């Protein structure tokens, strides 16, 4: 079936605008009434305007979730939020672990405990 790319772009942007929970290409293609293959074959995933619209929805959804976690009585949700906004020192205290990773110019990655990983 031949598709008009301009119409597909317009429809994609309309779906994203009308449903703030659309953050994945699979969902977007489904709500547009086309297959994932068609979405990718038309290279809609490469268009900045669609990627930016999905990124905006993701940012809005993250913000909404953080607000819900902040006003929640659920301690687990509040801890997850705290982990997101904590300083490195606070985060290390929360998770009970500390990792200091550094890379050297001789293609080694060294973790604070002395473990080394060589790179090809």
N, C-alpha and C. Protein backbone atom coordinates (compact mmCIF):
# COMPACT_ATOMS: atom_id res chain seq x y z
N UNK A 1 0.84 -1.17 0.00
CA UNK A 1 0.00 0.00 0.00
C UNK A 1 0.90 1.24 0.00
N UNK A 2 0.56 2.19 -0.82
CA UNK A 2 1.32 3.44 -0.88
C UNK A 2 0.82 4.40 0.20
N UNK A 3 1.76 5.00 0.89
CA UNK A 3 1.42 5.94 1.96
C UNK A 3 1.91 7.33 1.59
N UNK A 4 1.13 8.32 1.96
CA UNK A 4 1.54 9.71 1.81
C UNK A 4 2.30 10.09 3.09
N UNK A 5 3.60 10.28 2.97
CA UNK A 5 4.44 10.52 4.14
C UNK A 5 4.00 11.76 4.90
N UNK A 6 3.61 12.81 4.20
CA UNK A 6 3.16 14.04 4.87
C UNK A 6 1.93 13.79 5.72
N UNK A 7 1.02 12.96 5.21
CA UNK A 7 -0.19 12.62 5.99
C UNK A 7 0.18 11.78 7.21
N UNK A 8 1.14 10.88 7.03
CA UNK A 8 1.58 10.06 8.17
C UNK A 8 2.22 10.92 9.25
N UNK A 9 3.03 11.89 8.83
CA UNK A 9 3.68 12.79 9.80
C UNK A 9 2.63 13.58 10.56
N UNK A 10 1.67 14.12 9.83
CA UNK A 10 0.59 14.91 10.44
C UNK A 10 -0.20 14.06 11.43
N UNK A 11 -0.51 12.82 11.02
CA UNK A 11 -1.26 11.92 11.90
C UNK A 11 -0.46 11.56 13.15
N UNK A 12 0.84 11.30 12.97
CA UNK A 12 1.69 10.96 14.10
C UNK A 12 1.71 12.10 15.11
N UNK A 13 1.89 13.32 14.64
CA UNK A 13 1.93 14.47 15.54
C UNK A 13 0.59 14.70 16.23
N UNK A 14 -0.49 14.43 15.52
CA UNK A 14 -1.82 14.57 16.11
C UNK A 14 -2.02 13.54 17.22
N UNK A 15 -1.63 12.30 16.97
CA UNK A 15 -1.76 11.24 17.98
C UNK A 15 -0.93 11.58 19.22
N UNK A 16 0.30 12.04 19.01
CA UNK A 16 1.18 12.38 20.14
C UNK A 16 0.59 13.53 20.94
N UNK A 17 0.08 14.53 20.24
CA UNK A 17 -0.51 15.69 20.92
C UNK A 17 -1.77 15.31 21.71
N UNK A 18 -2.60 14.45 21.14
CA UNK A 18 -3.87 14.09 21.77
C UNK A 18 -3.74 13.09 22.91
N UNK A 19 -2.63 12.36 22.95
CA UNK A 19 -2.44 11.36 24.00
C UNK A 19 -1.07 11.54 24.64
N UNK A 20 -1.00 12.21 25.78
CA UNK A 20 0.29 12.48 26.41
C UNK A 20 1.01 11.24 26.93
N UNK A 21 0.33 10.11 26.90
CA UNK A 21 0.97 8.88 27.37
C UNK A 21 1.66 8.11 26.24
N UNK A 22 1.58 8.62 25.03
CA UNK A 22 2.28 7.98 23.91
C UNK A 22 3.74 8.39 23.98
N UNK A 23 4.59 7.42 24.32
CA UNK A 23 6.02 7.69 24.44
C UNK A 23 6.87 6.68 23.68
N UNK A 24 6.23 5.66 23.14
CA UNK A 24 6.95 4.62 22.42
C UNK A 24 6.47 4.55 20.98
N UNK A 25 7.40 4.29 20.07
CA UNK A 25 7.07 4.19 18.66
C UNK A 25 6.06 3.09 18.39
N UNK A 26 6.19 1.96 19.09
CA UNK A 26 5.23 0.86 18.91
C UNK A 26 3.80 1.33 19.17
N UNK A 27 3.62 2.06 20.27
CA UNK A 27 2.29 2.57 20.61
C UNK A 27 1.82 3.58 19.58
N UNK A 28 2.73 4.43 19.15
CA UNK A 28 2.38 5.46 18.17
C UNK A 28 1.92 4.82 16.87
N UNK A 29 2.68 3.87 16.37
CA UNK A 29 2.31 3.21 15.12
C UNK A 29 0.95 2.53 15.26
N UNK A 30 0.74 1.86 16.37
CA UNK A 30 -0.53 1.16 16.61
C UNK A 30 -1.70 2.15 16.61
N UNK A 31 -1.55 3.26 17.30
CA UNK A 31 -2.62 4.26 17.37
C UNK A 31 -2.82 4.98 16.03
N UNK A 32 -1.80 4.98 15.20
CA UNK A 32 -1.93 5.55 13.86
C UNK A 32 -2.60 4.59 12.91
N UNK A 33 -2.70 3.32 13.31
CA UNK A 33 -3.32 2.32 12.45
C UNK A 33 -2.39 1.76 11.39
N UNK A 34 -1.08 1.84 11.66
CA UNK A 34 -0.10 1.27 10.74
C UNK A 34 0.80 0.32 11.51
N UNK A 35 1.51 -0.50 10.78
CA UNK A 35 2.42 -1.44 11.43
C UNK A 35 3.73 -0.73 11.79
N UNK A 36 4.45 -1.35 12.71
CA UNK A 36 5.78 -0.84 13.05
C UNK A 36 6.67 -0.80 11.82
N UNK A 37 6.55 -1.86 11.01
CA UNK A 37 7.37 -1.94 9.79
C UNK A 37 7.11 -0.75 8.88
N UNK A 38 5.86 -0.40 8.71
CA UNK A 38 5.52 0.76 7.88
C UNK A 38 6.10 2.03 8.49
N UNK A 39 5.98 2.17 9.80
CA UNK A 39 6.52 3.35 10.48
C UNK A 39 8.01 3.50 10.19
N UNK A 40 8.74 2.39 10.33
CA UNK A 40 10.19 2.42 10.10
C UNK A 40 10.53 2.53 8.60
N UNK A 41 9.78 1.84 7.75
CA UNK A 41 10.04 1.91 6.32
C UNK A 41 9.85 3.33 5.78
N UNK A 42 8.93 4.05 6.36
CA UNK A 42 8.70 5.45 5.97
C UNK A 42 9.71 6.39 6.64
N UNK A 43 10.57 5.81 7.47
CA UNK A 43 11.62 6.55 8.19
C UNK A 43 11.06 7.65 9.10
N UNK A 44 9.88 7.39 9.62
CA UNK A 44 9.27 8.35 10.53
C UNK A 44 10.06 8.45 11.83
N UNK A 45 10.73 7.36 12.20
CA UNK A 45 11.52 7.35 13.44
C UNK A 45 12.75 8.26 13.34
N UNK A 46 13.12 8.66 12.14
CA UNK A 46 14.30 9.50 11.93
C UNK A 46 13.97 10.99 11.94
N UNK A 47 12.69 11.33 11.94
CA UNK A 47 12.28 12.73 11.84
C UNK A 47 12.36 13.41 13.20
N UNK A 48 13.10 14.51 13.24
CA UNK A 48 13.26 15.25 14.49
C UNK A 48 11.93 15.71 15.06
N UNK A 49 11.01 16.11 14.21
CA UNK A 49 9.73 16.64 14.69
C UNK A 49 8.96 15.56 15.47
N UNK A 50 9.02 14.33 15.02
CA UNK A 50 8.34 13.23 15.72
C UNK A 50 9.14 12.82 16.96
N UNK A 51 10.44 12.72 16.83
CA UNK A 51 11.28 12.37 17.98
C UNK A 51 11.14 13.41 19.09
N UNK A 52 11.14 14.70 18.69
CA UNK A 52 11.00 15.77 19.68
C UNK A 52 9.65 15.72 20.37
N UNK A 53 8.59 15.42 19.62
CA UNK A 53 7.25 15.34 20.21
C UNK A 53 7.17 14.18 21.20
N UNK A 54 7.76 13.03 20.86
CA UNK A 54 7.79 11.90 21.78
C UNK A 54 8.63 12.23 23.01
N UNK A 55 9.75 12.91 22.81
CA UNK A 55 10.61 13.32 23.93
C UNK A 55 9.87 14.28 24.85
N UNK A 56 9.09 15.18 24.29
CA UNK A 56 8.28 16.10 25.11
C UNK A 56 7.27 15.33 25.94
N UNK A 57 6.61 14.34 25.34
CA UNK A 57 5.66 13.52 26.09
C UNK A 57 6.36 12.78 27.22
N UNK A 58 7.54 12.26 26.94
CA UNK A 58 8.30 11.54 27.97
C UNK A 58 8.66 12.48 29.12
N UNK A 59 9.11 13.68 28.78
CA UNK A 59 9.48 14.65 29.82
C UNK A 59 8.27 15.04 30.66
N UNK A 60 7.15 15.25 30.01
CA UNK A 60 5.92 15.60 30.74
C UNK A 60 5.49 14.46 31.66
N UNK A 61 5.60 13.23 31.17
CA UNK A 61 5.22 12.07 31.97
C UNK A 61 6.16 11.88 33.15
N UNK A 62 7.46 12.08 32.93
CA UNK A 62 8.41 12.00 34.04
C UNK A 62 8.09 13.04 35.11
N UNK A 63 7.78 14.24 34.67
CA UNK A 63 7.44 15.31 35.61
C UNK A 63 6.19 14.93 36.41
N UNK A 64 5.18 14.42 35.73
CA UNK A 64 3.95 14.00 36.40
C UNK A 64 4.23 12.91 37.43
N UNK A 65 5.05 11.94 37.05
CA UNK A 65 5.38 10.85 37.98
C UNK A 65 6.14 11.37 39.20
N UNK A 66 7.07 12.29 38.97
CA UNK A 66 7.81 12.84 40.10
C UNK A 66 6.88 13.60 41.04
N UNK A 67 5.92 14.32 40.50
CA UNK A 67 4.95 15.02 41.35
C UNK A 67 4.12 14.02 42.15
N UNK A 68 3.66 12.97 41.49
CA UNK A 68 2.87 11.94 42.18
C UNK A 68 3.69 11.27 43.28
N UNK A 69 4.95 10.98 42.99
CA UNK A 69 5.81 10.36 44.00
C UNK A 69 6.02 11.29 45.18
N UNK A 70 6.17 12.57 44.90
CA UNK A 70 6.44 13.54 45.98
C UNK A 70 5.25 13.68 46.93
N UNK A 71 4.04 13.63 46.42
CA UNK A 71 2.86 13.81 47.28
C UNK A 71 2.28 12.49 47.77
N UNK A 72 2.88 11.40 47.36
CA UNK A 72 2.41 10.07 47.72
C UNK A 72 2.72 9.74 49.17
N UNK A 73 1.91 8.86 49.75
CA UNK A 73 2.19 8.32 51.07
C UNK A 73 3.00 7.03 50.97
N UNK A 74 3.33 6.63 49.76
CA UNK A 74 4.06 5.39 49.51
C UNK A 74 5.55 5.64 49.71
N UNK A 75 6.11 5.01 50.72
CA UNK A 75 7.52 5.21 51.05
C UNK A 75 8.45 4.75 49.92
N UNK A 76 8.09 3.69 49.24
CA UNK A 76 8.92 3.20 48.14
C UNK A 76 8.99 4.23 47.02
N UNK A 77 7.86 4.81 46.68
CA UNK A 77 7.83 5.84 45.63
C UNK A 77 8.66 7.04 46.05
N UNK A 78 8.55 7.43 47.30
CA UNK A 78 9.31 8.57 47.78
C UNK A 78 10.81 8.28 47.77
N UNK A 79 11.18 7.06 48.12
CA UNK A 79 12.60 6.69 48.09
C UNK A 79 13.13 6.73 46.67
N UNK A 80 12.35 6.23 45.72
CA UNK A 80 12.77 6.25 44.31
C UNK A 80 12.98 7.69 43.85
N UNK A 81 12.08 8.58 44.23
CA UNK A 81 12.23 9.98 43.88
C UNK A 81 13.49 10.55 44.51
N UNK A 82 13.71 10.23 45.77
CA UNK A 82 14.89 10.74 46.46
C UNK A 82 16.17 10.27 45.78
N UNK A 83 16.17 9.02 45.33
CA UNK A 83 17.34 8.50 44.63
C UNK A 83 17.60 9.28 43.35
N UNK A 84 16.54 9.72 42.70
CA UNK A 84 16.69 10.48 41.47
C UNK A 84 17.29 11.87 41.70
N UNK A 85 16.94 12.46 42.82
CA UNK A 85 17.35 13.85 43.06
C UNK A 85 18.50 13.97 44.05
N UNK A 86 18.94 12.86 44.61
CA UNK A 86 19.98 12.89 45.64
C UNK A 86 21.34 13.29 45.06
N UNK A 87 22.16 13.85 45.92
CA UNK A 87 23.56 14.08 45.55
C UNK A 87 24.24 12.72 45.48
N UNK A 88 25.43 12.67 44.93
CA UNK A 88 26.15 11.40 44.85
C UNK A 88 26.37 10.80 46.24
N UNK A 89 26.74 11.64 47.20
CA UNK A 89 26.98 11.17 48.56
C UNK A 89 25.70 10.59 49.18
N UNK A 90 24.59 11.31 49.01
CA UNK A 90 23.31 10.82 49.55
C UNK A 90 22.91 9.51 48.87
N UNK A 91 23.11 9.44 47.56
CA UNK A 91 22.75 8.24 46.82
C UNK A 91 23.56 7.04 47.31
N UNK A 92 24.84 7.24 47.50
CA UNK A 92 25.69 6.15 47.99
C UNK A 92 25.23 5.66 49.35
N UNK A 93 24.81 6.57 50.20
CA UNK A 93 24.30 6.17 51.51
C UNK A 93 22.99 5.38 51.38
N UNK A 94 22.16 5.80 50.46
CA UNK A 94 20.88 5.11 50.26
C UNK A 94 21.06 3.69 49.77
N UNK A 95 21.92 3.49 48.80
CA UNK A 95 22.07 2.16 48.21
C UNK A 95 23.12 1.33 48.93
N UNK A 96 23.89 1.95 49.81
CA UNK A 96 24.87 1.20 50.59
C UNK A 96 26.08 0.76 49.80
N UNK A 97 26.36 1.43 48.71
CA UNK A 97 27.51 1.07 47.90
C UNK A 97 28.12 2.32 47.30
N UNK A 98 29.38 2.20 47.03
CA UNK A 98 30.08 3.33 46.44
C UNK A 98 30.95 2.81 45.32
N UNK A 99 30.79 3.38 44.15
CA UNK A 99 31.62 3.00 43.02
C UNK A 99 32.19 4.27 42.42
N UNK A 100 33.49 4.29 42.33
CA UNK A 100 34.18 5.39 41.69
C UNK A 100 34.84 4.81 40.46
N UNK A 101 34.32 5.12 39.30
CA UNK A 101 34.84 4.55 38.07
C UNK A 101 35.65 5.62 37.36
N UNK A 102 36.84 5.22 36.90
CA UNK A 102 37.65 6.15 36.12
C UNK A 102 38.25 5.38 34.95
N UNK A 103 38.52 6.08 33.91
CA UNK A 103 39.15 5.47 32.73
C UNK A 103 40.55 6.03 32.59
N UNK A 104 41.44 5.19 32.16
CA UNK A 104 42.82 5.64 31.94
C UNK A 104 43.09 5.65 30.44
N UNK A 105 44.17 6.28 30.07
CA UNK A 105 44.52 6.37 28.65
C UNK A 105 45.08 5.07 28.09
N UNK A 106 45.38 4.12 28.95
CA UNK A 106 45.90 2.85 28.46
C UNK A 106 44.78 1.81 28.31
N UNK A 107 43.59 2.26 28.00
CA UNK A 107 42.41 1.44 27.72
C UNK A 107 42.02 0.51 28.86
N UNK A 108 42.10 1.00 30.09
CA UNK A 108 41.64 0.24 31.24
C UNK A 108 40.55 1.04 31.94
N UNK A 109 39.59 0.32 32.47
CA UNK A 109 38.59 0.94 33.33
C UNK A 109 38.85 0.39 34.72
N UNK A 110 38.99 1.30 35.68
CA UNK A 110 39.33 0.89 37.04
C UNK A 110 38.22 1.33 37.98
N UNK A 111 37.67 0.37 38.71
CA UNK A 111 36.62 0.67 39.69
C UNK A 111 37.30 0.86 41.03
N UNK A 112 36.67 1.62 41.92
CA UNK A 112 37.25 2.00 43.20
C UNK A 112 37.83 0.81 43.96
N UNK A 113 37.20 -0.35 43.89
CA UNK A 113 37.69 -1.50 44.64
C UNK A 113 38.93 -2.12 44.03
N UNK A 114 39.44 -1.54 42.93
CA UNK A 114 40.66 -2.03 42.30
C UNK A 114 40.43 -2.93 41.11
N UNK A 115 39.20 -3.33 40.86
CA UNK A 115 38.91 -4.18 39.71
C UNK A 115 39.22 -3.42 38.43
N UNK A 116 39.92 -4.08 37.52
CA UNK A 116 40.29 -3.46 36.25
C UNK A 116 39.67 -4.24 35.11
N UNK A 117 39.23 -3.49 34.12
CA UNK A 117 38.69 -4.09 32.91
C UNK A 117 39.47 -3.52 31.73
N UNK A 118 40.05 -4.40 30.92
CA UNK A 118 40.76 -3.94 29.74
C UNK A 118 39.80 -3.79 28.59
N UNK A 119 40.08 -2.86 27.73
CA UNK A 119 39.27 -2.66 26.54
C UNK A 119 40.06 -3.10 25.33
N UNK A 120 39.35 -3.59 24.33
CA UNK A 120 40.06 -4.04 23.11
C UNK A 120 40.71 -2.88 22.39
